[in-house]
Amino acid sequence: MSDGQALFAVLRQSADADVVTALERLVEAAPDRDLCRVNVFDFARRHNVGEDATIAAFLHAARIGLFEMSWNVLCPGCGGVLDTNASLKSVRSEEYVCAL
């Protein structure tokens, strides 16, 4: 059993089975660009699974090491990422300025 399979086995014990199955398919088949900045609400809608169950599964998956979670500060004008942070605490409170 690979490390990834072992982590998915752990995730199955605490998360919704349909969400875990969809997550596993995503990790196995999706190109790398689809695995960057996964929108959990879009994921839930596309896979016809509940939003709350999807959020819980992604949070648990991040906790056990399947995913990395970061907080992006997005420009309201262009939608570009102005800053990336490992936690909400590390988001700076000063004003962000778009480079465009």
PDB file of N, CA and C in Angstrom:
ATOM      1  N   MET A   1       0.850  -1.175   0.000  1.00  0.00           N
ATOM      2  CA  MET A   1       0.000   0.000   0.000  1.00  0.00           C
ATOM      3  C   MET A   1       0.899   1.243   0.000  1.00  0.00           C
ATOM      4  N   SER A   2       0.629   2.164  -0.919  1.00  0.00           N
ATOM      5  CA  SER A   2       1.424   3.388  -1.000  1.00  0.00           C
ATOM      6  C   SER A   2       1.048   4.340   0.136  1.00  0.00           C
ATOM      7  N   ASP A   3       1.870   5.363   0.326  1.00  0.00           N
ATOM      8  CA  ASP A   3       1.571   6.363   1.356  1.00  0.00           C
ATOM      9  C   ASP A   3       0.232   7.042   1.083  1.00  0.00           C
ATOM     10  N   GLY A   4      -0.019   7.361  -0.195  1.00  0.00           N
ATOM     11  CA  GLY A   4      -1.280   7.999  -0.561  1.00  0.00           C
ATOM     12  C   GLY A   4      -2.477   7.116  -0.256  1.00  0.00           C
ATOM     13  N   GLN A   5      -2.369   5.844  -0.575  1.00  0.00           N
ATOM     14  CA  GLN A   5      -3.463   4.913  -0.291  1.00  0.00           C
ATOM     15  C   GLN A   5      -3.701   4.800   1.206  1.00  0.00           C
ATOM     16  N   ALA A   6      -2.630   4.791   1.974  1.00  0.00           N
ATOM     17  CA  ALA A   6      -2.765   4.714   3.433  1.00  0.00           C
ATOM     18  C   ALA A   6      -3.455   5.961   3.976  1.00  0.00           C
ATOM     19  N   LEU A   7      -3.109   7.126   3.431  1.00  0.00           N
ATOM     20  CA  LEU A   7      -3.748   8.367   3.886  1.00  0.00           C
ATOM     21  C   LEU A   7      -5.227   8.397   3.510  1.00  0.00           C
ATOM     22  N   PHE A   8      -5.559   7.910   2.321  1.00  0.00           N
ATOM     23  CA  PHE A   8      -6.975   7.849   1.938  1.00  0.00           C
ATOM     24  C   PHE A   8      -7.736   6.859   2.818  1.00  0.00           C
ATOM     25  N   ALA A   9      -7.093   5.778   3.225  1.00  0.00           N
ATOM     26  CA  ALA A   9      -7.732   4.822   4.137  1.00  0.00           C
ATOM     27  C   ALA A   9      -8.035   5.486   5.473  1.00  0.00           C
ATOM     28  N   VAL A  10      -7.110   6.304   5.954  1.00  0.00           N
ATOM     29  CA  VAL A  10      -7.344   7.054   7.201  1.00  0.00           C
ATOM     30  C   VAL A  10      -8.484   8.044   7.001  1.00  0.00           C
ATOM     31  N   LEU A  11      -8.485   8.747   5.876  1.00  0.00           N
ATOM     32  CA  LEU A  11      -9.525   9.736   5.599  1.00  0.00           C
ATOM     33  C   LEU A  11     -10.902   9.087   5.528  1.00  0.00           C
ATOM     34  N   ARG A  12     -10.985   7.881   4.958  1.00  0.00           N
ATOM     35  CA  ARG A  12     -12.277   7.180   4.854  1.00  0.00           C
ATOM     36  C   ARG A  12     -12.904   6.895   6.218  1.00  0.00           C
ATOM     37  N   GLN A  13     -12.079   6.792   7.253  1.00  0.00           N
ATOM     38  CA  GLN A  13     -12.592   6.494   8.590  1.00  0.00           C
ATOM     39  C   GLN A  13     -13.336   7.674   9.206  1.00  0.00           C
ATOM     40  N   SER A  14     -13.072   8.889   8.714  1.00  0.00           N
ATOM     41  CA  SER A  14     -13.673  10.049   9.370  1.00  0.00           C
ATOM     42  C   SER A  14     -14.407  10.999   8.431  1.00  0.00           C
ATOM     43  N   ALA A  15     -14.357  10.765   7.135  1.00  0.00           N
ATOM     44  CA  ALA A  15     -15.008  11.672   6.189  1.00  0.00           C
ATOM     45  C   ALA A  15     -16.055  10.922   5.371  1.00  0.00           C
ATOM     46  N   ASP A  16     -16.929  11.687   4.755  1.00  0.00           N
ATOM     47  CA  ASP A  16     -17.991  11.141   3.918  1.00  0.00           C
ATOM     48  C   ASP A  16     -17.393  10.297   2.788  1.00  0.00           C
ATOM     49  N   ALA A  17     -17.904   9.087   2.621  1.00  0.00           N
ATOM     50  CA  ALA A  17     -17.351   8.134   1.648  1.00  0.00           C
ATOM     51  C   ALA A  17     -17.417   8.656   0.217  1.00  0.00           C
ATOM     52  N   ASP A  18     -18.522   9.319  -0.155  1.00  0.00           N
ATOM     53  CA  ASP A  18     -18.651   9.839  -1.518  1.00  0.00           C
ATOM     54  C   ASP A  18     -17.630  10.944  -1.790  1.00  0.00           C
ATOM     55  N   VAL A  19     -17.402  11.792  -0.797  1.00  0.00           N
ATOM     56  CA  VAL A  19     -16.420  12.869  -0.952  1.00  0.00           C
ATOM     57  C   VAL A  19     -15.018  12.276  -1.076  1.00  0.00           C
ATOM     58  N   VAL A  20     -14.702  11.295  -0.253  1.00  0.00           N
ATOM     59  CA  VAL A  20     -13.372  10.676  -0.294  1.00  0.00           C
ATOM     60  C   VAL A  20     -13.145   9.991  -1.640  1.00  0.00           C
ATOM     61  N   THR A  21     -14.147   9.314  -2.153  1.00  0.00           N
ATOM     62  CA  THR A  21     -14.031   8.668  -3.463  1.00  0.00           C
ATOM     63  C   THR A  21     -13.760   9.704  -4.548  1.00  0.00           C
ATOM     64  N   ALA A  22     -14.490  10.816  -4.507  1.00  0.00           N
ATOM     65  CA  ALA A  22     -14.281  11.882  -5.493  1.00  0.00           C
ATOM     66  C   ALA A  22     -12.893  12.502  -5.345  1.00  0.00           C
ATOM     67  N   LEU A  23     -12.443  12.691  -4.118  1.00  0.00           N
ATOM     68  CA  LEU A  23     -11.101  13.231  -3.867  1.00  0.00           C
ATOM     69  C   LEU A  23     -10.023  12.295  -4.407  1.00  0.00           C
ATOM     70  N   GLU A  24     -10.208  11.021  -4.161  1.00  0.00           N
ATOM     71  CA  GLU A  24      -9.232  10.034  -4.621  1.00  0.00           C
ATOM     72  C   GLU A  24      -9.146  10.029  -6.146  1.00  0.00           C
ATOM     73  N   ARG A  25     -10.295  10.106  -6.809  1.00  0.00           N
ATOM     74  CA  ARG A  25     -10.306  10.170  -8.278  1.00  0.00           C
ATOM     75  C   ARG A  25      -9.596  11.430  -8.766  1.00  0.00           C
ATOM     76  N   LEU A  26      -9.843  12.548  -8.074  1.00  0.00           N
ATOM     77  CA  LEU A  26      -9.198  13.807  -8.447  1.00  0.00           C
ATOM     78  C   LEU A  26      -7.679  13.683  -8.366  1.00  0.00           C
ATOM     79  N   VAL A  27      -7.182  13.156  -7.263  1.00  0.00           N
ATOM     80  CA  VAL A  27      -5.735  13.031  -7.057  1.00  0.00           C
ATOM     81  C   VAL A  27      -5.117  12.061  -8.058  1.00  0.00           C
ATOM     82  N   GLU A  28      -5.815  10.981  -8.362  1.00  0.00           N
ATOM     83  CA  GLU A  28      -5.274   9.973  -9.276  1.00  0.00           C
ATOM     84  C   GLU A  28      -5.274  10.427 -10.730  1.00  0.00           C
ATOM     85  N   ALA A  29      -6.309  11.159 -11.150  1.00  0.00           N
ATOM     86  CA  ALA A  29      -6.501  11.405 -12.574  1.00  0.00           C
ATOM     87  C   ALA A  29      -6.289  12.847 -13.029  1.00  0.00           C
ATOM     88  N   ALA A  30      -6.407  13.794 -12.140  1.00  0.00           N
ATOM     89  CA  ALA A  30      -6.373  15.199 -12.559  1.00  0.00           C
ATOM     90  C   ALA A  30      -4.952  15.659 -12.868  1.00  0.00           C
ATOM     91  N   PRO A  31      -4.827  16.551 -13.846  1.00  0.00           N
ATOM     92  CA  PRO A  31      -3.508  17.146 -14.081  1.00  0.00           C
ATOM     93  C   PRO A  31      -3.126  18.040 -12.894  1.00  0.00           C
ATOM     94  N   ASP A  32      -1.839  18.286 -12.756  1.00  0.00           N
ATOM     95  CA  ASP A  32      -1.347  19.067 -11.619  1.00  0.00           C
ATOM     96  C   ASP A  32      -2.061  20.410 -11.475  1.00  0.00           C
ATOM     97  N   ARG A  33      -2.342  21.081 -12.586  1.00  0.00           N
ATOM     98  CA  ARG A  33      -2.968  22.410 -12.514  1.00  0.00           C
ATOM     99  C   ARG A  33      -4.348  22.357 -11.853  1.00  0.00           C
ATOM    100  N   ASP A  34      -5.033  21.212 -11.941  1.00  0.00           N
ATOM    101  CA  ASP A  34      -6.347  21.073 -11.308  1.00  0.00           C
ATOM    102  C   ASP A  34      -6.242  20.804  -9.814  1.00  0.00           C
ATOM    103  N   LEU A  35      -5.053  20.437  -9.355  1.00  0.00           N
ATOM    104  CA  LEU A  35      -4.856  20.154  -7.931  1.00  0.00           C
ATOM    105  C   LEU A  35      -4.371  21.382  -7.163  1.00  0.00           C
ATOM    106  N   CYS A  36      -4.117  22.444  -7.873  1.00  0.00           N
ATOM    107  CA  CYS A  36      -3.666  23.691  -7.248  1.00  0.00           C
ATOM    108  C   CYS A  36      -4.876  24.606  -7.047  1.00  0.00           C
ATOM    109  N   ARG A  37      -5.046  25.092  -5.836  1.00  0.00           N
ATOM    110  CA  ARG A  37      -6.150  26.006  -5.511  1.00  0.00           C
ATOM    111  C   ARG A  37      -7.520  25.373  -5.787  1.00  0.00           C
ATOM    112  N   VAL A  38      -7.778  24.227  -5.212  1.00  0.00           N
ATOM    113  CA  VAL A  38      -9.072  23.556  -5.367  1.00  0.00           C
ATOM    114  C   VAL A  38     -10.131  24.369  -4.628  1.00  0.00           C
ATOM    115  N   ASN A  39     -11.191  24.716  -5.323  1.00  0.00           N
ATOM    116  CA  ASN A  39     -12.315  25.428  -4.724  1.00  0.00           C
ATOM    117  C   ASN A  39     -13.287  24.371  -4.199  1.00  0.00           C
ATOM    118  N   VAL A  40     -13.426  24.272  -2.877  1.00  0.00           N
ATOM    119  CA  VAL A  40     -14.233  23.188  -2.311  1.00  0.00           C
ATOM    120  C   VAL A  40     -15.706  23.305  -2.678  1.00  0.00           C
ATOM    121  N   PHE A  41     -16.211  24.523  -2.835  1.00  0.00           N
ATOM    122  CA  PHE A  41     -17.620  24.684  -3.202  1.00  0.00           C
ATOM    123  C   PHE A  41     -17.854  24.217  -4.635  1.00  0.00           C
ATOM    124  N   ASP A  42     -16.943  24.549  -5.525  1.00  0.00           N
ATOM    125  CA  ASP A  42     -17.032  24.081  -6.907  1.00  0.00           C
ATOM    126  C   ASP A  42     -16.874  22.563  -6.967  1.00  0.00           C
ATOM    127  N   PHE A  43     -15.933  22.037  -6.185  1.00  0.00           N
ATOM    128  CA  PHE A  43     -15.723  20.586  -6.117  1.00  0.00           C
ATOM    129  C   PHE A  43     -17.009  19.885  -5.674  1.00  0.00           C
ATOM    130  N   ALA A  44     -17.650  20.401  -4.625  1.00  0.00           N
ATOM    131  CA  ALA A  44     -18.888  19.794  -4.109  1.00  0.00           C
ATOM    132  C   ALA A  44     -19.984  19.805  -5.171  1.00  0.00           C
ATOM    133  N   ARG A  45     -20.114  20.931  -5.869  1.00  0.00           N
ATOM    134  CA  ARG A  45     -21.149  21.044  -6.893  1.00  0.00           C
ATOM    135  C   ARG A  45     -20.877  20.088  -8.054  1.00  0.00           C
ATOM    136  N   ARG A  46     -19.628  20.051  -8.529  1.00  0.00           N
ATOM    137  CA  ARG A  46     -19.283  19.198  -9.675  1.00  0.00           C
ATOM    138  C   ARG A  46     -19.431  17.713  -9.368  1.00  0.00           C
ATOM    139  N   HIS A  47     -19.209  17.340  -8.110  1.00  0.00           N
ATOM    140  CA  HIS A  47     -19.269  15.920  -7.738  1.00  0.00           C
ATOM    141  C   HIS A  47     -20.564  15.558  -7.022  1.00  0.00           C
ATOM    142  N   ASN A  48     -21.486  16.520  -6.965  1.00  0.00           N
ATOM    143  CA  ASN A  48     -22.808  16.291  -6.373  1.00  0.00           C
ATOM    144  C   ASN A  48     -22.716  15.734  -4.950  1.00  0.00           C
ATOM    145  N   VAL A  49     -21.872  16.375  -4.140  1.00  0.00           N
ATOM    146  CA  VAL A  49     -21.737  16.010  -2.729  1.00  0.00           C
ATOM    147  C   VAL A  49     -21.984  17.261  -1.890  1.00  0.00           C
ATOM    148  N   GLY A  50     -22.311  17.074  -0.643  1.00  0.00           N
ATOM    149  CA  GLY A  50     -22.643  18.190   0.231  1.00  0.00           C
ATOM    150  C   GLY A  50     -21.457  19.102   0.514  1.00  0.00           C
ATOM    151  N   GLU A  51     -21.744  20.396   0.593  1.00  0.00           N
ATOM    152  CA  GLU A  51     -20.685  21.371   0.867  1.00  0.00           C
ATOM    153  C   GLU A  51     -20.047  21.154   2.237  1.00  0.00           C
ATOM    154  N   ASP A  52     -20.872  20.955   3.258  1.00  0.00           N
ATOM    155  CA  ASP A  52     -20.327  20.771   4.607  1.00  0.00           C
ATOM    156  C   ASP A  52     -19.446  19.528   4.685  1.00  0.00           C
ATOM    157  N   ALA A  53     -19.899  18.440   4.071  1.00  0.00           N
ATOM    158  CA  ALA A  53     -19.111  17.200   4.070  1.00  0.00           C
ATOM    159  C   ALA A  53     -17.814  17.386   3.289  1.00  0.00           C
ATOM    160  N   THR A  54     -17.867  18.170   2.221  1.00  0.00           N
ATOM    161  CA  THR A  54     -16.671  18.424   1.412  1.00  0.00           C
ATOM    162  C   THR A  54     -15.666  19.269   2.179  1.00  0.00           C
ATOM    163  N   ILE A  55     -16.139  20.321   2.829  1.00  0.00           N
ATOM    164  CA  ILE A  55     -15.248  21.163   3.639  1.00  0.00           C
ATOM    165  C   ILE A  55     -14.593  20.325   4.726  1.00  0.00           C
ATOM    166  N   ALA A  56     -15.385  19.526   5.416  1.00  0.00           N
ATOM    167  CA  ALA A  56     -14.851  18.685   6.493  1.00  0.00           C
ATOM    168  C   ALA A  56     -13.802  17.710   5.958  1.00  0.00           C
ATOM    169  N   ALA A  57     -14.071  17.111   4.803  1.00  0.00           N
ATOM    170  CA  ALA A  57     -13.127  16.146   4.228  1.00  0.00           C
ATOM    171  C   ALA A  57     -11.822  16.826   3.822  1.00  0.00           C
ATOM    172  N   PHE A  58     -11.908  17.993   3.191  1.00  0.00           N
ATOM    173  CA  PHE A  58     -10.692  18.703   2.792  1.00  0.00           C
ATOM    174  C   PHE A  58      -9.892  19.159   4.006  1.00  0.00           C
ATOM    175  N   LEU A  59     -10.564  19.637   5.040  1.00  0.00           N
ATOM    176  CA  LEU A  59      -9.846  20.047   6.256  1.00  0.00           C
ATOM    177  C   LEU A  59      -9.136  18.858   6.892  1.00  0.00           C
ATOM    178  N   HIS A  60      -9.834  17.728   6.957  1.00  0.00           N
ATOM    179  CA  HIS A  60      -9.209  16.539   7.538  1.00  0.00           C
ATOM    180  C   HIS A  60      -8.068  16.045   6.642  1.00  0.00           C
ATOM    181  N   ALA A  61      -8.267  16.102   5.334  1.00  0.00           N
ATOM    182  CA  ALA A  61      -7.212  15.689   4.402  1.00  0.00           C
ATOM    183  C   ALA A  61      -5.964  16.560   4.573  1.00  0.00           C
ATOM    184  N   ALA A  62      -6.160  17.843   4.806  1.00  0.00           N
ATOM    185  CA  ALA A  62      -5.014  18.732   5.057  1.00  0.00           C
ATOM    186  C   ALA A  62      -4.351  18.389   6.386  1.00  0.00           C
ATOM    187  N   ARG A  63      -5.151  18.078   7.372  1.00  0.00           N
ATOM    188  CA  ARG A  63      -4.617  17.754   8.700  1.00  0.00           C
ATOM    189  C   ARG A  63      -3.743  16.496   8.664  1.00  0.00           C
ATOM    190  N   ILE A  64      -4.126  15.508   7.853  1.00  0.00           N
ATOM    191  CA  ILE A  64      -3.351  14.258   7.814  1.00  0.00           C
ATOM    192  C   ILE A  64      -2.243  14.281   6.757  1.00  0.00           C
ATOM    193  N   GLY A  65      -2.173  15.351   5.976  1.00  0.00           N
ATOM    194  CA  GLY A  65      -1.068  15.507   5.042  1.00  0.00           C
ATOM    195  C   GLY A  65      -1.346  15.205   3.581  1.00  0.00           C
ATOM    196  N   LEU A  66      -2.605  14.974   3.218  1.00  0.00           N
ATOM    197  CA  LEU A  66      -2.930  14.746   1.808  1.00  0.00           C
ATOM    198  C   LEU A  66      -2.839  16.031   0.994  1.00  0.00           C
ATOM    199  N   PHE A  67      -3.205  17.135   1.605  1.00  0.00           N
ATOM    200  CA  PHE A  67      -3.184  18.437   0.946  1.00  0.00           C
ATOM    201  C   PHE A  67      -2.484  19.441   1.840  1.00  0.00           C
ATOM    202  N   GLU A  68      -2.024  20.518   1.240  1.00  0.00           N
ATOM    203  CA  GLU A  68      -1.524  21.656   1.996  1.00  0.00           C
ATOM    204  C   GLU A  68      -2.579  22.745   1.895  1.00  0.00           C
ATOM    205  N   MET A  69      -2.825  23.401   3.004  1.00  0.00           N
ATOM    206  CA  MET A  69      -3.823  24.459   3.001  1.00  0.00           C
ATOM    207  C   MET A  69      -3.124  25.796   3.173  1.00  0.00           C
ATOM    208  N   SER A  70      -3.509  26.761   2.350  1.00  0.00           N
ATOM    209  CA  SER A  70      -2.974  28.108   2.487  1.00  0.00           C
ATOM    210  C   SER A  70      -4.103  29.102   2.252  1.00  0.00           C
ATOM    211  N   TRP A  71      -3.870  30.305   2.695  1.00  0.00           N
ATOM    212  CA  TRP A  71      -4.856  31.369   2.574  1.00  0.00           C
ATOM    213  C   TRP A  71      -4.312  32.404   1.599  1.00  0.00           C
ATOM    214  N   ASN A  72      -5.023  32.612   0.504  1.00  0.00           N
ATOM    215  CA  ASN A  72      -4.611  33.588  -0.495  1.00  0.00           C
ATOM    216  C   ASN A  72      -5.405  34.872  -0.311  1.00  0.00           C
ATOM    217  N   VAL A  73      -4.711  36.006  -0.365  1.00  0.00           N
ATOM    218  CA  VAL A  73      -5.362  37.311  -0.386  1.00  0.00           C
ATOM    219  C   VAL A  73      -5.486  37.674  -1.859  1.00  0.00           C
ATOM    220  N   LEU A  74      -6.734  37.802  -2.333  1.00  0.00           N
ATOM    221  CA  LEU A  74      -6.987  38.061  -3.749  1.00  0.00           C
ATOM    222  C   LEU A  74      -7.308  39.526  -3.989  1.00  0.00           C
ATOM    223  N   CYS A  75      -6.841  40.048  -5.111  1.00  0.00           N
ATOM    224  CA  CYS A  75      -7.151  41.413  -5.514  1.00  0.00           C
ATOM    225  C   CYS A  75      -8.613  41.465  -5.948  1.00  0.00           C
ATOM    226  N   PRO A  76      -9.401  42.394  -5.385  1.00  0.00           N
ATOM    227  CA  PRO A  76     -10.805  42.481  -5.798  1.00  0.00           C
ATOM    228  C   PRO A  76     -10.966  42.992  -7.225  1.00  0.00           C
ATOM    229  N   GLY A  77      -9.936  43.634  -7.766  1.00  0.00           N
ATOM    230  CA  GLY A  77     -10.026  44.173  -9.116  1.00  0.00           C
ATOM    231  C   GLY A  77      -9.693  43.166 -10.198  1.00  0.00           C
ATOM    232  N   CYS A  78      -8.532  42.506 -10.057  1.00  0.00           N
ATOM    233  CA  CYS A  78      -8.082  41.605 -11.122  1.00  0.00           C
ATOM    234  C   CYS A  78      -8.199  40.130 -10.759  1.00  0.00           C
ATOM    235  N   GLY A  79      -8.395  39.824  -9.470  1.00  0.00           N
ATOM    236  CA  GLY A  79      -8.505  38.433  -9.035  1.00  0.00           C
ATOM    237  C   GLY A  79      -7.168  37.751  -8.826  1.00  0.00           C
ATOM    238  N   GLY A  80      -6.079  38.491  -8.999  1.00  0.00           N
ATOM    239  CA  GLY A  80      -4.749  37.927  -8.801  1.00  0.00           C
ATOM    240  C   GLY A  80      -4.443  37.707  -7.330  1.00  0.00           C
ATOM    241  N   VAL A  81      -3.512  36.806  -7.059  1.00  0.00           N
ATOM    242  CA  VAL A  81      -3.101  36.519  -5.686  1.00  0.00           C
ATOM    243  C   VAL A  81      -2.096  37.581  -5.251  1.00  0.00           C
ATOM    244  N   LEU A  82      -2.449  38.338  -4.209  1.00  0.00           N
ATOM    245  CA  LEU A  82      -1.567  39.377  -3.688  1.00  0.00           C
ATOM    246  C   LEU A  82      -0.629  38.850  -2.617  1.00  0.00           C
ATOM    247  N   ASP A  83      -1.054  37.815  -1.912  1.00  0.00           N
ATOM    248  CA  ASP A  83      -0.244  37.251  -0.843  1.00  0.00           C
ATOM    249  C   ASP A  83      -0.761  35.854  -0.538  1.00  0.00           C
ATOM    250  N   THR A  84       0.131  34.978  -0.096  1.00  0.00           N
ATOM    251  CA  THR A  84      -0.225  33.621   0.307  1.00  0.00           C
ATOM    252  C   THR A  84       0.297  33.397   1.709  1.00  0.00           C
ATOM    253  N   ASN A  85      -0.550  32.813   2.559  1.00  0.00           N
ATOM    254  CA  ASN A  85      -0.193  32.623   3.959  1.00  0.00           C
ATOM    255  C   ASN A  85      -0.537  31.216   4.407  1.00  0.00           C
ATOM    256  N   ALA A  86       0.269  30.692   5.337  1.00  0.00           N
ATOM    257  CA  ALA A  86       0.037  29.352   5.870  1.00  0.00           C
ATOM    258  C   ALA A  86      -1.099  29.336   6.881  1.00  0.00           C
ATOM    259  N   SER A  87      -1.397  30.483   7.477  1.00  0.00           N
ATOM    260  CA  SER A  87      -2.488  30.551   8.452  1.00  0.00           C
ATOM    261  C   SER A  87      -3.155  31.914   8.353  1.00  0.00           C
ATOM    262  N   LEU A  88      -4.365  32.005   8.860  1.00  0.00           N
ATOM    263  CA  LEU A  88      -5.046  33.297   8.867  1.00  0.00           C
ATOM    264  C   LEU A  88      -4.316  34.298   9.753  1.00  0.00           C
ATOM    265  N   LYS A  89      -3.674  33.802  10.810  1.00  0.00           N
ATOM    266  CA  LYS A  89      -2.917  34.684  11.704  1.00  0.00           C
ATOM    267  C   LYS A  89      -1.785  35.403  10.979  1.00  0.00           C
ATOM    268  N   SER A  90      -1.245  34.775   9.961  1.00  0.00           N
ATOM    269  CA  SER A  90      -0.100  35.371   9.275  1.00  0.00           C
ATOM    270  C   SER A  90      -0.491  36.359   8.180  1.00  0.00           C
ATOM    271  N   VAL A  91      -1.796  36.540   7.934  1.00  0.00           N
ATOM    272  CA  VAL A  91      -2.237  37.535   6.957  1.00  0.00           C
ATOM    273  C   VAL A  91      -1.962  38.917   7.544  1.00  0.00           C
ATOM    274  N   ARG A  92      -1.211  39.706   6.802  1.00  0.00           N
ATOM    275  CA  ARG A  92      -0.888  41.052   7.276  1.00  0.00           C
ATOM    276  C   ARG A  92      -2.116  41.938   7.158  1.00  0.00           C
ATOM    277  N   SER A  93      -2.294  42.810   8.117  1.00  0.00           N
ATOM    278  CA  SER A  93      -3.497  43.641   8.138  1.00  0.00           C
ATOM    279  C   SER A  93      -3.355  44.913   7.313  1.00  0.00           C
ATOM    280  N   GLU A  94      -2.127  45.248   6.885  1.00  0.00           N
ATOM    281  CA  GLU A  94      -1.983  46.465   6.086  1.00  0.00           C
ATOM    282  C   GLU A  94      -2.619  46.279   4.716  1.00  0.00           C
ATOM    283  N   GLU A  95      -2.779  47.367   4.025  1.00  0.00           N
ATOM    284  CA  GLU A  95      -3.440  47.357   2.727  1.00  0.00           C
ATOM    285  C   GLU A  95      -2.569  46.666   1.681  1.00  0.00           C
ATOM    286  N   TYR A  96      -3.185  45.850   0.855  1.00  0.00           N
ATOM    287  CA  TYR A  96      -2.495  45.198  -0.251  1.00  0.00           C
ATOM    288  C   TYR A  96      -2.728  46.021  -1.510  1.00  0.00           C
ATOM    289  N   VAL A  97      -1.743  46.054  -2.386  1.00  0.00           N
ATOM    290  CA  VAL A  97      -1.842  46.852  -3.602  1.00  0.00           C
ATOM    291  C   VAL A  97      -1.598  45.948  -4.805  1.00  0.00           C
ATOM    292  N   CYS A  98      -2.496  46.029  -5.768  1.00  0.00           N
ATOM    293  CA  CYS A  98      -2.362  45.246  -6.998  1.00  0.00           C
ATOM    294  C   CYS A  98      -1.222  45.818  -7.837  1.00  0.00           C
ATOM    295  N   ALA A  99      -0.434  44.947  -8.436  1.00  0.00           N
ATOM    296  CA  ALA A  99       0.693  45.381  -9.264  1.00  0.00           C
ATOM    297  C   ALA A  99       0.250  45.845 -10.648  1.00  0.00           C
ATOM    298  N   LEU A 100      -0.976  45.549 -11.028  1.00  0.00           N
ATOM    299  CA  LEU A 100      -1.441  45.959 -12.360  1.00  0.00           C
ATOM    300  C   LEU A 100      -1.833  47.381 -12.322  1.00  0.00           C
TER     301      LEU A 100
END
